[in-house]
Protein backbone atom coordinates (compact mmCIF):
# COMPACT_ATOMS: atom_id res chain seq x y z
CA MET A 1 -31.69 -8.80 17.78
CA ILE A 2 -30.36 -8.91 13.93
CA GLN A 3 -29.23 -12.48 13.42
CA CYS A 4 -25.80 -12.26 11.78
CA LEU A 5 -25.33 -13.61 8.01
CA ALA A 6 -23.90 -17.67 7.57
CA ASN A 7 -21.84 -17.34 4.43
CA ALA A 8 -23.57 -19.64 2.23
CA SER A 9 -27.01 -17.28 3.00
CA LEU A 10 -24.72 -13.94 2.08
CA VAL A 11 -23.73 -15.52 -1.14
CA ASP A 12 -27.12 -16.44 -2.05
CA MET A 13 -28.26 -13.33 -1.63
CA LYS A 14 -25.50 -11.82 -3.59
CA ASN A 15 -25.79 -14.10 -6.29
CA ARG A 16 -29.62 -12.96 -6.14
CA GLU A 17 -28.86 -9.45 -6.47
CA ASN A 18 -26.72 -9.99 -9.61
CA LYS A 19 -28.80 -11.68 -11.67
CA GLU A 20 -31.32 -9.19 -10.49
CA GLY A 21 -28.34 -6.70 -12.02
CA GLU A 22 -27.07 -8.44 -15.29
CA ALA A 23 -31.17 -8.67 -16.12
CA MET A 24 -31.19 -4.37 -14.81
CA GLY A 25 -27.58 -3.27 -15.78
CA ALA A 26 -27.71 -2.16 -12.19
CA ILE A 27 -23.40 -1.61 -10.94
CA PHE A 28 -23.09 -3.65 -8.12
CA HIS A 29 -19.80 -3.53 -5.77
CA TYR A 30 -19.64 -5.97 -2.62
CA ASN A 31 -17.44 -5.38 0.73
CA PRO A 32 -13.66 -7.44 0.18
CA ASP A 33 -13.11 -7.52 3.98
CA LEU A 34 -14.80 -10.02 6.08
CA ALA A 35 -16.63 -8.97 8.48
CA PHE A 36 -14.34 -9.01 12.21
CA ARG A 37 -16.32 -11.11 13.65
CA GLU A 38 -19.74 -13.90 13.20
CA SER A 39 -22.09 -10.58 14.99
CA PRO A 40 -20.66 -7.61 14.35
CA ASP A 41 -21.54 -4.31 15.82
CA MET A 42 -22.05 -3.01 12.02
CA TYR A 43 -20.67 -3.97 8.58
CA LEU A 44 -21.19 -3.37 5.21
CA CYS A 45 -22.26 -5.99 2.80
CA PHE A 46 -22.81 -4.33 -0.34
CA TRP A 47 -23.39 -0.72 -2.49
CA GLY A 48 -24.32 0.08 -5.95
CA LYS A 49 -26.33 2.46 -8.06
CA GLU A 50 -28.65 1.97 -11.32
CA HIS A 51 -30.71 3.63 -13.72
CA CYS A 52 -34.30 2.26 -13.56
CA GLU A 53 -36.36 0.64 -16.74
CA PRO A 54 -39.97 2.41 -16.42
CA LEU A 55 -41.47 0.66 -13.86
CA HIS A 56 -38.87 -1.55 -13.21
CA THR A 57 -40.22 -3.09 -9.56
CA PHE A 58 -39.34 -5.23 -6.40
CA GLY A 59 -41.25 -7.06 -4.28
CA PRO A 60 -44.08 -7.16 -2.74
CA GLY A 61 -40.83 -9.26 -0.94
CA VAL A 62 -38.46 -9.12 1.84
CA ARG A 63 -34.87 -7.82 1.97
CA ASP A 64 -32.19 -10.01 4.05
CA ILE A 65 -30.24 -7.44 5.60
CA TYR A 66 -31.37 -3.41 5.91
CA LYS A 67 -30.86 -2.02 2.74
CA ILE A 68 -31.09 1.98 1.72
CA HIS A 69 -31.77 3.22 -1.16
CA PHE A 70 -31.00 6.64 -2.77
CA VAL A 71 -33.25 8.08 -4.80
CA HIS A 72 -30.63 10.97 -7.48
CA ALA A 73 -33.19 11.74 -10.09
CA GLY A 74 -36.66 11.08 -11.37
CA LYS A 75 -39.52 9.78 -9.06
CA GLY A 76 -41.46 5.84 -8.13
CA VAL A 77 -43.68 4.89 -5.18
CA VAL A 78 -42.57 2.90 -2.35
CA ARG A 79 -45.41 0.40 -0.11
CA ALA A 80 -44.81 -0.43 3.55
CA GLU A 81 -47.02 -1.88 6.06
CA GLY A 82 -49.82 -0.74 4.17
CA GLU A 83 -48.86 3.02 3.50
CA THR A 84 -47.38 4.29 0.14
CA HIS A 85 -45.00 6.65 -0.36
CA VAL A 86 -44.22 8.64 -3.61
CA VAL A 87 -40.74 9.12 -3.13
CA THR A 88 -38.67 11.95 -5.65
CA ALA A 89 -35.07 12.80 -6.46
CA GLY A 90 -33.34 14.11 -2.86
CA GLN A 91 -34.84 11.35 -0.96
CA ALA A 92 -34.09 8.26 0.36
CA PHE A 93 -35.90 4.98 1.82
CA ILE A 94 -34.78 1.76 3.56
CA ALA A 95 -36.18 -1.54 3.83
CA PHE A 96 -35.94 -3.25 7.22
CA PRO A 97 -35.31 -7.26 6.77
CA GLU A 98 -37.85 -9.75 7.56
CA HIS A 99 -40.03 -6.60 6.80
CA VAL A 100 -42.46 -6.44 3.38
CA ILE A 101 -41.68 -3.69 0.88
CA PHE A 102 -42.33 -3.04 -2.79
CA TYR A 103 -41.70 -0.06 -4.68
CA GLN A 104 -41.26 1.04 -8.08
CA ALA A 105 -39.80 3.05 -11.08
CA ASP A 106 -42.33 5.92 -11.96
CA GLU A 107 -43.44 4.61 -15.87
CA HIS A 108 -42.52 8.33 -17.60
CA ASP A 109 -39.98 9.56 -14.74
CA PRO A 110 -38.16 6.46 -13.84
CA TRP A 111 -35.83 6.68 -10.50
CA THR A 112 -32.14 6.62 -10.98
CA TYR A 113 -30.87 5.32 -7.30
CA SER A 114 -27.69 4.34 -5.90
CA TRP A 115 -28.10 1.89 -2.18
CA ILE A 116 -25.86 0.45 0.39
CA GLY A 117 -26.56 -2.99 2.01
CA PHE A 118 -25.76 -3.66 5.63
CA TYR A 119 -26.34 -4.75 8.84
CA GLY A 120 -25.43 -5.54 12.68
CA GLU A 121 -26.58 -5.55 15.83
CA GLN A 122 -26.00 -1.97 16.54
CA VAL A 123 -27.81 -0.41 13.74
CA PRO A 124 -31.86 -1.53 15.42
CA TYR A 125 -30.11 1.19 18.13
CA LEU A 126 -29.23 3.50 15.79
CA LEU A 127 -31.99 3.35 13.68
CA ASN A 128 -34.35 3.59 17.40
CA ARG A 129 -32.89 7.73 17.86
CA THR A 130 -34.54 8.22 14.25
CA SER A 131 -38.29 8.14 13.38
CA LEU A 132 -37.94 5.67 10.79
CA SER A 133 -40.04 2.43 10.30
CA PRO A 134 -41.35 0.16 8.34
CA SER A 135 -44.03 1.75 7.58
CA ASP A 136 -42.34 5.29 7.99
CA PRO A 137 -39.19 4.59 5.52
CA VAL A 138 -38.81 7.52 3.62
CA PHE A 139 -36.24 10.64 4.62
CA PRO A 140 -34.36 12.99 3.49
CA MET A 141 -31.63 13.11 1.45
CA ASP A 142 -28.35 15.65 2.82
CA THR A 143 -26.51 17.56 -0.52
CA LYS A 144 -22.95 16.45 0.69
CA LEU A 145 -22.64 12.78 1.50
CA MET A 146 -25.05 10.61 0.24
CA PRO A 147 -25.68 12.08 -2.78
CA ARG A 148 -21.86 11.17 -3.54
CA LEU A 149 -22.23 7.83 -1.31
CA TYR A 150 -21.31 5.63 -3.92
CA GLU A 151 -18.08 7.18 -4.97
CA LEU A 152 -17.09 7.36 -2.45
CA LEU A 153 -17.15 4.08 -1.58
CA ASN A 154 -15.74 3.03 -4.92
CA GLU A 155 -12.27 5.17 -3.67
CA VAL A 156 -12.49 3.48 -0.48
CA GLU A 157 -12.48 -0.40 -2.67
CA GLN A 158 -9.46 0.90 -4.54
CA GLU A 159 -7.69 1.92 -0.93
CA GLU A 160 -4.79 -0.59 0.52
CA ALA A 161 -6.24 -3.46 2.38
CA ALA A 162 -4.38 -2.24 5.78
CA VAL A 163 -7.18 0.79 6.18
CA ARG A 164 -9.59 -0.13 3.46
CA ASP A 165 -11.99 -1.30 6.27
CA LEU A 166 -11.33 0.76 8.43
CA ARG A 167 -12.23 3.87 5.74
CA MET A 168 -15.24 1.80 5.10
CA GLN A 169 -16.25 1.94 8.76
CA ALA A 170 -15.43 5.63 8.81
CA LEU A 171 -17.09 6.24 6.48
CA LEU A 172 -20.62 4.21 7.78
CA ASN A 173 -20.91 5.77 10.98
CA GLU A 174 -21.01 9.23 9.17
CA PHE A 175 -24.14 8.23 7.42
CA PHE A 176 -25.93 7.03 10.52
CA ALA A 177 -24.64 10.58 11.87
CA THR A 178 -25.48 12.16 9.40
CA MET A 179 -29.40 9.87 8.91
CA VAL A 180 -30.19 11.05 12.83
CA LYS A 181 -29.69 14.38 12.12
CA LEU A 182 -32.52 14.37 9.18
CA ALA A 183 -34.81 11.73 10.34
CA PRO A 184 -34.94 12.70 14.18
CA VAL A 185 -37.45 11.32 16.16
CA THR A 186 -40.18 14.42 16.22
CA ALA A 187 -40.92 16.84 18.85
CA GLU A 188 -44.94 16.36 18.74
CA ARG A 189 -43.94 12.23 19.02
CA GLY A 190 -41.02 12.82 21.97
CA THR A 191 -38.54 10.33 22.68
CA LYS A 192 -39.76 7.33 21.32
CA PRO A 193 -41.27 5.25 23.94
CA GLN A 194 -39.48 2.04 25.47
CA THR A 195 -40.80 -1.23 23.73
CA LYS A 196 -39.69 -5.06 24.74
CA ASP A 197 -37.21 -5.32 22.19
CA ASN A 198 -35.85 -2.37 22.91
CA TYR A 199 -34.68 -2.68 26.67
CA ILE A 200 -33.89 -6.24 24.99
CA HIS A 201 -31.64 -4.14 22.87
CA ARG A 202 -30.12 -2.58 25.20
CA CYS A 203 -28.93 -4.87 27.59
CA LEU A 204 -27.36 -6.59 24.18
CA ASP A 205 -25.54 -3.81 23.32
CA PHE A 206 -23.98 -3.63 27.02
CA LEU A 207 -23.66 -6.78 27.19
CA HIS A 208 -21.26 -7.07 24.12
CA THR A 209 -19.20 -4.36 25.31
CA HIS A 210 -19.32 -4.83 29.20
CA TYR A 211 -18.29 -8.80 28.73
CA ALA A 212 -15.68 -8.86 29.78
CA GLU A 213 -16.37 -7.34 32.94
CA ASP A 214 -18.97 -8.89 35.95
CA ILE A 215 -22.13 -8.27 34.91
CA THR A 216 -25.98 -9.51 36.88
CA VAL A 217 -28.73 -9.89 35.83
CA ALA A 218 -29.95 -7.34 39.12
CA GLN A 219 -27.51 -4.74 37.12
CA LEU A 220 -28.92 -5.23 33.86
CA ALA A 221 -32.55 -4.58 35.04
CA THR A 222 -31.03 -1.82 37.08
CA MET A 223 -29.74 0.24 33.46
CA VAL A 224 -33.07 -0.36 32.04
CA GLY A 225 -35.68 0.06 34.70
CA LEU A 226 -37.04 -3.26 34.92
CA ASP A 227 -37.64 -5.94 37.47
CA ARG A 228 -34.89 -8.68 37.47
CA LYS A 229 -37.93 -11.85 37.48
CA TYR A 230 -39.21 -9.61 35.24
CA LEU A 231 -36.29 -8.88 31.96
CA SER A 232 -35.12 -12.37 32.76
CA ALA A 233 -38.24 -13.58 31.52
CA LEU A 234 -38.83 -11.01 28.23
CA PHE A 235 -34.92 -11.88 27.47
CA LYS A 236 -35.00 -15.57 27.25
CA ARG A 237 -38.61 -15.01 25.88
CA THR A 238 -36.86 -12.30 23.32
CA VAL A 239 -33.29 -14.34 22.40
CA GLY A 240 -33.89 -17.94 23.41
CA LEU A 241 -31.78 -18.02 25.94
CA PRO A 242 -31.53 -16.41 30.05
CA PRO A 243 -29.43 -13.27 30.40
CA GLN A 244 -26.89 -14.80 31.92
CA GLN A 245 -26.32 -18.41 29.72
CA TYR A 246 -26.14 -15.96 26.56
CA LEU A 247 -23.54 -14.19 28.10
CA LEU A 248 -22.45 -17.63 28.63
CA LYS A 249 -22.26 -18.13 25.16
CA TYR A 250 -21.05 -14.82 24.09
CA ARG A 251 -18.03 -14.81 25.83
CA MET A 252 -17.15 -18.48 24.44
CA GLU A 253 -17.79 -17.38 21.34
CA ARG A 254 -15.27 -14.32 21.62
CA ALA A 255 -12.72 -17.33 22.80
CA CYS A 256 -12.91 -18.62 20.08
CA GLU A 257 -11.94 -16.09 17.87
CA LEU A 258 -9.25 -14.84 19.91
CA LEU A 259 -8.25 -19.15 20.23
CA LYS A 260 -8.20 -18.80 16.61
CA ARG A 261 -5.31 -16.76 15.84
CA GLY A 262 -3.24 -18.66 17.64
CA LYS A 263 -1.25 -16.06 19.30
CA PHE A 264 -2.59 -15.84 22.71
CA THR A 265 -2.70 -17.95 25.24
CA VAL A 266 -5.15 -19.51 27.26
CA GLY A 267 -4.43 -17.50 30.33
CA GLU A 268 -4.93 -14.58 28.73
CA VAL A 269 -7.24 -15.66 26.97
CA ALA A 270 -9.54 -16.50 29.95
CA ARG A 271 -8.69 -12.78 31.20
CA SER A 272 -10.34 -11.17 27.99
CA VAL A 273 -13.49 -12.48 28.42
CA GLY A 274 -13.96 -12.37 32.07
CA TYR A 275 -12.87 -15.01 33.78
CA GLN A 276 -9.65 -14.42 35.96
CA ASP A 277 -9.42 -17.80 36.63
CA ALA A 278 -8.41 -19.80 33.41
CA LEU A 279 -9.20 -23.26 35.51
CA LEU A 280 -12.62 -22.35 35.84
CA PHE A 281 -12.77 -20.26 32.19
CA SER A 282 -11.07 -24.30 30.97
CA LYS A 283 -13.99 -25.65 32.92
CA MET A 284 -16.58 -23.22 31.46
CA PHE A 285 -15.30 -23.32 27.51
CA ARG A 286 -14.72 -27.42 27.37
CA LYS A 287 -18.58 -27.72 29.38
CA THR A 288 -20.19 -25.18 25.75
CA ILE A 289 -17.54 -25.95 23.57
CA GLY A 290 -16.87 -29.72 23.89
CA VAL A 291 -12.82 -29.50 23.80
CA ALA A 292 -10.14 -27.88 26.39
CA PRO A 293 -9.26 -24.60 24.79
CA SER A 294 -5.57 -25.42 24.35
CA ASP A 295 -6.61 -28.54 21.91
CA TYR A 296 -9.16 -26.12 20.66
CA ARG A 297 -6.49 -23.54 19.72
CA MET A 298 -4.36 -26.70 18.43
CA HIS A 299 -6.52 -28.11 15.54
CA THR A 300 -7.99 -24.69 14.25
């Protein structure tokens, strides 16, 4: 599961990117709207553009989040997972978080590229629909959206705050739909085989969208086609908590978000996160968070 970035980490990342950008004359833009919740489905952090100097280099190093570069002119080289790729105008490449990558502008024809940086719990699921991987990060650009994505995001940045986040999310969704078409799983490879991470991502996606309903481990196991006991052990080993404890934690996080708004009753919050009994919800909230829901709402 992709862990959400803490505010401090995001600020540190921005500072690092700014220093790099100032040194190379890059242009950076940061999303003026905060993520809707701590673990968003998909959130655009920043975007930018740069005409690189000859042999301008990143790495070998790792990124905190996903970052995609779109090459508009020139060329360069990308090395990842022991593979080397020459990337030219009309192509793009993705850096996966926590995977070492190296990329360098050509000495005689350095690339001009734009980029976007993003993260979210839905991202691995979407990327699994493509042929992209840390060892195979290059894909072709389309001729309509990707060459203009930087400018389109700049336009959205100037929109009224009431609609800006919706427009930005719509662009990001359109980009992913385009990328899935441009880098499909090849016919030779067929559908990607399910890996242990795939099973867990499917479970997490289901929990995050159905947390207000009655959910059992048996239901999750049936959905992914695994034995219930095996899934529970795999989930705990991967996520750190058994499925039911993770669901409880996620429900309480959502409850905290609703209580902070101060306009919902405890009963309304309870039903919104899957508890028909407000007393049971209050008991579980106090056990998990340490205070009663009413006190939490009053002091946040």
